[in-house]
PDB file of N, CA and C in Angstrom:
ATOM      1  N   MET A   1       0.845  -1.178   0.000  1.00  0.00           N
ATOM      2  CA  MET A   1       0.000   0.000   0.000  1.00  0.00           C
ATOM      3  C   MET A   1       0.890   1.240   0.000  1.00  0.00           C
ATOM      4  N   LYS A   2       0.491   2.243  -0.744  1.00  0.00           N
ATOM      5  CA  LYS A   2       1.277   3.468  -0.836  1.00  0.00           C
ATOM      6  C   LYS A   2       1.183   4.285   0.447  1.00  0.00           C
ATOM      7  N   ALA A   3       2.275   4.973   0.747  1.00  0.00           N
ATOM      8  CA  ALA A   3       2.311   5.811   1.946  1.00  0.00           C
ATOM      9  C   ALA A   3       1.246   6.895   1.888  1.00  0.00           C
ATOM     10  N   SER A   4       0.970   7.437   0.696  1.00  0.00           N
ATOM     11  CA  SER A   4      -0.018   8.502   0.593  1.00  0.00           C
ATOM     12  C   SER A   4      -1.410   8.011   0.963  1.00  0.00           C
ATOM     13  N   SER A   5      -1.777   6.795   0.566  1.00  0.00           N
ATOM     14  CA  SER A   5      -3.088   6.287   0.939  1.00  0.00           C
ATOM     15  C   SER A   5      -3.138   5.973   2.427  1.00  0.00           C
ATOM     16  N   LEU A   6      -2.007   5.514   2.989  1.00  0.00           N
ATOM     17  CA  LEU A   6      -1.964   5.298   4.438  1.00  0.00           C
ATOM     18  C   LEU A   6      -2.145   6.607   5.188  1.00  0.00           C
ATOM     19  N   SER A   7      -1.472   7.655   4.735  1.00  0.00           N
ATOM     20  CA  SER A   7      -1.592   8.934   5.432  1.00  0.00           C
ATOM     21  C   SER A   7      -2.987   9.517   5.267  1.00  0.00           C
ATOM     22  N   CYS A   8      -3.627   9.286   4.125  1.00  0.00           N
ATOM     23  CA  CYS A   8      -5.007   9.763   3.930  1.00  0.00           C
ATOM     24  C   CYS A   8      -5.961   9.045   4.868  1.00  0.00           C
ATOM     25  N   ARG A   9      -5.788   7.747   5.017  1.00  0.00           N
ATOM     26  CA  ARG A   9      -6.658   6.997   5.928  1.00  0.00           C
ATOM     27  C   ARG A   9      -6.395   7.405   7.374  1.00  0.00           C
ATOM     28  N   ALA A  10      -5.126   7.622   7.712  1.00  0.00           N
ATOM     29  CA  ALA A  10      -4.797   8.073   9.067  1.00  0.00           C
ATOM     30  C   ALA A  10      -5.410   9.438   9.328  1.00  0.00           C
ATOM     31  N   ALA A  11      -5.362  10.304   8.337  1.00  0.00           N
ATOM     32  CA  ALA A  11      -5.950  11.635   8.480  1.00  0.00           C
ATOM     33  C   ALA A  11      -7.450  11.540   8.722  1.00  0.00           C
ATOM     34  N   ALA A  12      -8.107  10.687   7.973  1.00  0.00           N
ATOM     35  CA  ALA A  12      -9.559  10.532   8.129  1.00  0.00           C
ATOM     36  C   ALA A  12      -9.896  10.040   9.536  1.00  0.00           C
ATOM     37  N   ARG A  13      -9.121   9.090  10.046  1.00  0.00           N
ATOM     38  CA  ARG A  13      -9.390   8.558  11.387  1.00  0.00           C
ATOM     39  C   ARG A  13      -9.141   9.591  12.478  1.00  0.00           C
ATOM     40  N   SER A  14      -8.185  10.459  12.259  1.00  0.00           N
ATOM     41  CA  SER A  14      -7.838  11.428  13.306  1.00  0.00           C
ATOM     42  C   SER A  14      -8.579  12.753  13.168  1.00  0.00           C
ATOM     43  N   GLY A  15      -9.315  12.921  12.068  1.00  0.00           N
ATOM     44  CA  GLY A  15     -10.014  14.179  11.843  1.00  0.00           C
ATOM     45  C   GLY A  15      -9.110  15.277  11.306  1.00  0.00           C
ATOM     46  N   THR A  16      -7.985  14.878  10.737  1.00  0.00           N
ATOM     47  CA  THR A  16      -7.017  15.815  10.176  1.00  0.00           C
ATOM     48  C   THR A  16      -7.151  15.844   8.665  1.00  0.00           C
ATOM     49  N   ARG A  17      -6.953  16.991   8.068  1.00  0.00           N
ATOM     50  CA  ARG A  17      -6.979  17.079   6.601  1.00  0.00           C
ATOM     51  C   ARG A  17      -5.771  16.360   6.014  1.00  0.00           C
ATOM     52  N   PRO A  18      -5.958  15.559   4.964  1.00  0.00           N
ATOM     53  CA  PRO A  18      -4.808  14.921   4.316  1.00  0.00           C
ATOM     54  C   PRO A  18      -3.765  15.934   3.852  1.00  0.00           C
ATOM     55  N   SER A  19      -4.198  17.115   3.453  1.00  0.00           N
ATOM     56  CA  SER A  19      -3.233  18.122   3.008  1.00  0.00           C
ATOM     57  C   SER A  19      -2.340  18.588   4.154  1.00  0.00           C
ATOM     58  N   ALA A  20      -2.856  18.573   5.381  1.00  0.00           N
ATOM     59  CA  ALA A  20      -2.038  18.960   6.531  1.00  0.00           C
ATOM     60  C   ALA A  20      -0.930  17.938   6.756  1.00  0.00           C
ATOM     61  N   ILE A  21      -1.273  16.660   6.629  1.00  0.00           N
ATOM     62  CA  ILE A  21      -0.263  15.617   6.784  1.00  0.00           C
ATOM     63  C   ILE A  21       0.774  15.724   5.675  1.00  0.00           C
ATOM     64  N   SER A  22       0.311  15.934   4.448  1.00  0.00           N
ATOM     65  CA  SER A  22       1.234  16.079   3.319  1.00  0.00           C
ATOM     66  C   SER A  22       2.166  17.270   3.526  1.00  0.00           C
ATOM     67  N   ASN A  23       1.647  18.336   4.094  1.00  0.00           N
ATOM     68  CA  ASN A  23       2.471  19.516   4.349  1.00  0.00           C
ATOM     69  C   ASN A  23       3.585  19.199   5.346  1.00  0.00           C
ATOM     70  N   VAL A  24       3.258  18.486   6.409  1.00  0.00           N
ATOM     71  CA  VAL A  24       4.268  18.132   7.407  1.00  0.00           C
ATOM     72  C   VAL A  24       5.300  17.184   6.808  1.00  0.00           C
ATOM     73  N   ILE A  25       4.834  16.201   6.031  1.00  0.00           N
ATOM     74  CA  ILE A  25       5.758  15.260   5.399  1.00  0.00           C
ATOM     75  C   ILE A  25       6.686  16.001   4.439  1.00  0.00           C
ATOM     76  N   GLY A  26       6.132  16.931   3.695  1.00  0.00           N
ATOM     77  CA  GLY A  26       6.924  17.670   2.714  1.00  0.00           C
ATOM     78  C   GLY A  26       7.773  18.778   3.299  1.00  0.00           C
ATOM     79  N   HIS A  27       7.402  19.239   4.481  1.00  0.00           N
ATOM     80  CA  HIS A  27       8.108  20.362   5.110  1.00  0.00           C
ATOM     81  C   HIS A  27       8.305  20.095   6.600  1.00  0.00           C
ATOM     82  N   PRO A  28       9.120  19.122   6.950  1.00  0.00           N
ATOM     83  CA  PRO A  28       9.285  18.796   8.372  1.00  0.00           C
ATOM     84  C   PRO A  28       9.824  19.949   9.209  1.00  0.00           C
ATOM     85  N   THR A  29      10.528  20.873   8.583  1.00  0.00           N
ATOM     86  CA  THR A  29      11.037  22.024   9.326  1.00  0.00           C
ATOM     87  C   THR A  29       9.892  22.887   9.845  1.00  0.00           C
ATOM     88  N   ALA A  30       8.762  22.899   9.141  1.00  0.00           N
ATOM     89  CA  ALA A  30       7.597  23.659   9.603  1.00  0.00           C
ATOM     90  C   ALA A  30       7.110  23.118  10.940  1.00  0.00           C
ATOM     91  N   LEU A  31       7.101  21.804  11.081  1.00  0.00           N
ATOM     92  CA  LEU A  31       6.710  21.214  12.361  1.00  0.00           C
ATOM     93  C   LEU A  31       7.732  21.554  13.432  1.00  0.00           C
ATOM     94  N   LYS A  32       8.996  21.458  13.085  1.00  0.00           N
ATOM     95  CA  LYS A  32      10.064  21.785  14.030  1.00  0.00           C
ATOM     96  C   LYS A  32       9.940  23.233  14.506  1.00  0.00           C
ATOM     97  N   THR A  33       9.542  24.118  13.625  1.00  0.00           N
ATOM     98  CA  THR A  33       9.366  25.522  13.974  1.00  0.00           C
ATOM     99  C   THR A  33       8.121  25.728  14.833  1.00  0.00           C
ATOM    100  N   ALA A  34       7.069  24.945  14.564  1.00  0.00           N
ATOM    101  CA  ALA A  34       5.807  25.102  15.297  1.00  0.00           C
ATOM    102  C   ALA A  34       5.885  24.575  16.724  1.00  0.00           C
ATOM    103  N   LEU A  35       6.715  23.586  16.957  1.00  0.00           N
ATOM    104  CA  LEU A  35       6.766  22.974  18.293  1.00  0.00           C
ATOM    105  C   LEU A  35       7.021  23.972  19.416  1.00  0.00           C
ATOM    106  N   PRO A  36       8.035  24.827  19.300  1.00  0.00           N
ATOM    107  CA  PRO A  36       8.241  25.759  20.409  1.00  0.00           C
ATOM    108  C   PRO A  36       7.171  26.847  20.493  1.00  0.00           C
ATOM    109  N   ALA A  37       6.434  27.045  19.422  1.00  0.00           N
ATOM    110  CA  ALA A  37       5.482  28.152  19.376  1.00  0.00           C
ATOM    111  C   ALA A  37       4.093  27.793  19.884  1.00  0.00           C
ATOM    112  N   ASP A  38       3.764  26.505  19.921  1.00  0.00           N
ATOM    113  CA  ASP A  38       2.373  26.145  20.189  1.00  0.00           C
ATOM    114  C   ASP A  38       2.281  24.912  21.082  1.00  0.00           C
ATOM    115  N   GLU A  39       1.636  25.053  22.226  1.00  0.00           N
ATOM    116  CA  GLU A  39       1.515  23.946  23.182  1.00  0.00           C
ATOM    117  C   GLU A  39       0.708  22.784  22.605  1.00  0.00           C
ATOM    118  N   ALA A  40      -0.353  23.052  21.864  1.00  0.00           N
ATOM    119  CA  ALA A  40      -1.154  21.962  21.287  1.00  0.00           C
ATOM    120  C   ALA A  40      -0.326  21.137  20.310  1.00  0.00           C
ATOM    121  N   THR A  41       0.526  21.787  19.546  1.00  0.00           N
ATOM    122  CA  THR A  41       1.405  21.078  18.613  1.00  0.00           C
ATOM    123  C   THR A  41       2.405  20.237  19.386  1.00  0.00           C
ATOM    124  N   ARG A  42       2.952  20.788  20.462  1.00  0.00           N
ATOM    125  CA  ARG A  42       3.895  20.027  21.293  1.00  0.00           C
ATOM    126  C   ARG A  42       3.218  18.801  21.893  1.00  0.00           C
ATOM    127  N   ALA A  43       2.013  18.983  22.391  1.00  0.00           N
ATOM    128  CA  ALA A  43       1.294  17.862  23.007  1.00  0.00           C
ATOM    129  C   ALA A  43       1.010  16.765  21.974  1.00  0.00           C
ATOM    130  N   ALA A  44       0.608  17.166  20.779  1.00  0.00           N
ATOM    131  CA  ALA A  44       0.343  16.184  19.721  1.00  0.00           C
ATOM    132  C   ALA A  44       1.620  15.453  19.322  1.00  0.00           C
ATOM    133  N   ALA A  45       2.714  16.175  19.246  1.00  0.00           N
ATOM    134  CA  ALA A  45       3.994  15.555  18.898  1.00  0.00           C
ATOM    135  C   ALA A  45       4.435  14.583  19.985  1.00  0.00           C
ATOM    136  N   ARG A  46       4.258  14.960  21.248  1.00  0.00           N
ATOM    137  CA  ARG A  46       4.619  14.057  22.343  1.00  0.00           C
ATOM    138  C   ARG A  46       3.807  12.768  22.278  1.00  0.00           C
ATOM    139  N   GLU A  47       2.504  12.912  22.050  1.00  0.00           N
ATOM    140  CA  GLU A  47       1.629  11.746  21.963  1.00  0.00           C
ATOM    141  C   GLU A  47       2.053  10.832  20.809  1.00  0.00           C
ATOM    142  N   ALA A  48       2.349  11.427  19.663  1.00  0.00           N
ATOM    143  CA  ALA A  48       2.778  10.641  18.508  1.00  0.00           C
ATOM    144  C   ALA A  48       4.085   9.916  18.799  1.00  0.00           C
ATOM    145  N   LEU A  49       5.023  10.610  19.428  1.00  0.00           N
ATOM    146  CA  LEU A  49       6.299   9.967  19.759  1.00  0.00           C
ATOM    147  C   LEU A  49       6.115   8.822  20.744  1.00  0.00           C
ATOM    148  N   GLU A  50       5.223   8.986  21.702  1.00  0.00           N
ATOM    149  CA  GLU A  50       4.956   7.908  22.655  1.00  0.00           C
ATOM    150  C   GLU A  50       4.416   6.681  21.938  1.00  0.00           C
ATOM    151  N   LEU A  51       3.516   6.885  20.983  1.00  0.00           N
ATOM    152  CA  LEU A  51       2.960   5.765  20.216  1.00  0.00           C
ATOM    153  C   LEU A  51       4.042   5.049  19.427  1.00  0.00           C
ATOM    154  N   VAL A  52       4.893   5.819  18.770  1.00  0.00           N
ATOM    155  CA  VAL A  52       5.949   5.224  17.949  1.00  0.00           C
ATOM    156  C   VAL A  52       6.979   4.517  18.829  1.00  0.00           C
ATOM    157  N   ARG A  53       7.331   5.122  19.941  1.00  0.00           N
ATOM    158  CA  ARG A  53       8.306   4.492  20.840  1.00  0.00           C
ATOM    159  C   ARG A  53       7.762   3.207  21.443  1.00  0.00           C
ATOM    160  N   ALA A  54       6.475   3.158  21.707  1.00  0.00           N
ATOM    161  CA  ALA A  54       5.864   1.965  22.292  1.00  0.00           C
ATOM    162  C   ALA A  54       5.833   0.812  21.292  1.00  0.00           C
ATOM    163  N   ALA A  55       5.724   1.122  20.026  1.00  0.00           N
ATOM    164  CA  ALA A  55       5.644   0.092  18.986  1.00  0.00           C
ATOM    165  C   ALA A  55       6.359   0.583  17.742  1.00  0.00           C
ATOM    166  N   PRO A  56       7.690   0.626  17.760  1.00  0.00           N
ATOM    167  CA  PRO A  56       8.447   1.248  16.666  1.00  0.00           C
ATOM    168  C   PRO A  56       8.255   0.606  15.301  1.00  0.00           C
ATOM    169  N   HIS A  57       7.870  -0.645  15.251  1.00  0.00           N
ATOM    170  CA  HIS A  57       7.729  -1.307  13.950  1.00  0.00           C
ATOM    171  C   HIS A  57       6.271  -1.580  13.599  1.00  0.00           C
ATOM    172  N   ALA A  58       5.361  -0.993  14.346  1.00  0.00           N
ATOM    173  CA  ALA A  58       3.934  -1.195  14.081  1.00  0.00           C
ATOM    174  C   ALA A  58       3.521  -0.472  12.818  1.00  0.00           C
ATOM    175  N   PRO A  59       2.612  -1.061  12.047  1.00  0.00           N
ATOM    176  CA  PRO A  59       2.089  -0.369  10.869  1.00  0.00           C
ATOM    177  C   PRO A  59       1.369   0.918  11.271  1.00  0.00           C
ATOM    178  N   LEU A  60       1.408   1.897  10.395  1.00  0.00           N
ATOM    179  CA  LEU A  60       0.761   3.184  10.652  1.00  0.00           C
ATOM    180  C   LEU A  60      -0.693   3.004  11.061  1.00  0.00           C
ATOM    181  N   GLU A  61      -1.370   2.065  10.423  1.00  0.00           N
ATOM    182  CA  GLU A  61      -2.804   1.872  10.714  1.00  0.00           C
ATOM    183  C   GLU A  61      -3.043   1.541  12.173  1.00  0.00           C
ATOM    184  N   THR A  62      -2.145   0.780  12.807  1.00  0.00           N
ATOM    185  CA  THR A  62      -2.362   0.431  14.204  1.00  0.00           C
ATOM    186  C   THR A  62      -2.040   1.582  15.140  1.00  0.00           C
ATOM    187  N   LEU A  63      -1.181   2.485  14.717  1.00  0.00           N
ATOM    188  CA  LEU A  63      -0.833   3.620  15.562  1.00  0.00           C
ATOM    189  C   LEU A  63      -1.906   4.697  15.539  1.00  0.00           C
ATOM    190  N   THR A  64      -2.601   4.835  14.409  1.00  0.00           N
ATOM    191  CA  THR A  64      -3.579   5.917  14.276  1.00  0.00           C
ATOM    192  C   THR A  64      -5.013   5.440  14.386  1.00  0.00           C
ATOM    193  N   GLY A  65      -5.222   4.153  14.456  1.00  0.00           N
ATOM    194  CA  GLY A  65      -6.583   3.591  14.469  1.00  0.00           C
ATOM    195  C   GLY A  65      -7.191   3.727  15.793  1.00  0.00           C
TER     196      GLY A  65
END
């Protein structure tokens, strides 16, 4: 399965626009810049990192489902 379809399905499950995910994937520095500026972004990043650290080799679908 293509990464783009995985990210679209993950976006749908999380209530996030697929274009927002594509923007972060295409411009990771934007996320790096947003982290110090916004507590909600920091909290979301922490949660995502906890999920990945708990199951580093888990398919994306299991992390976002």
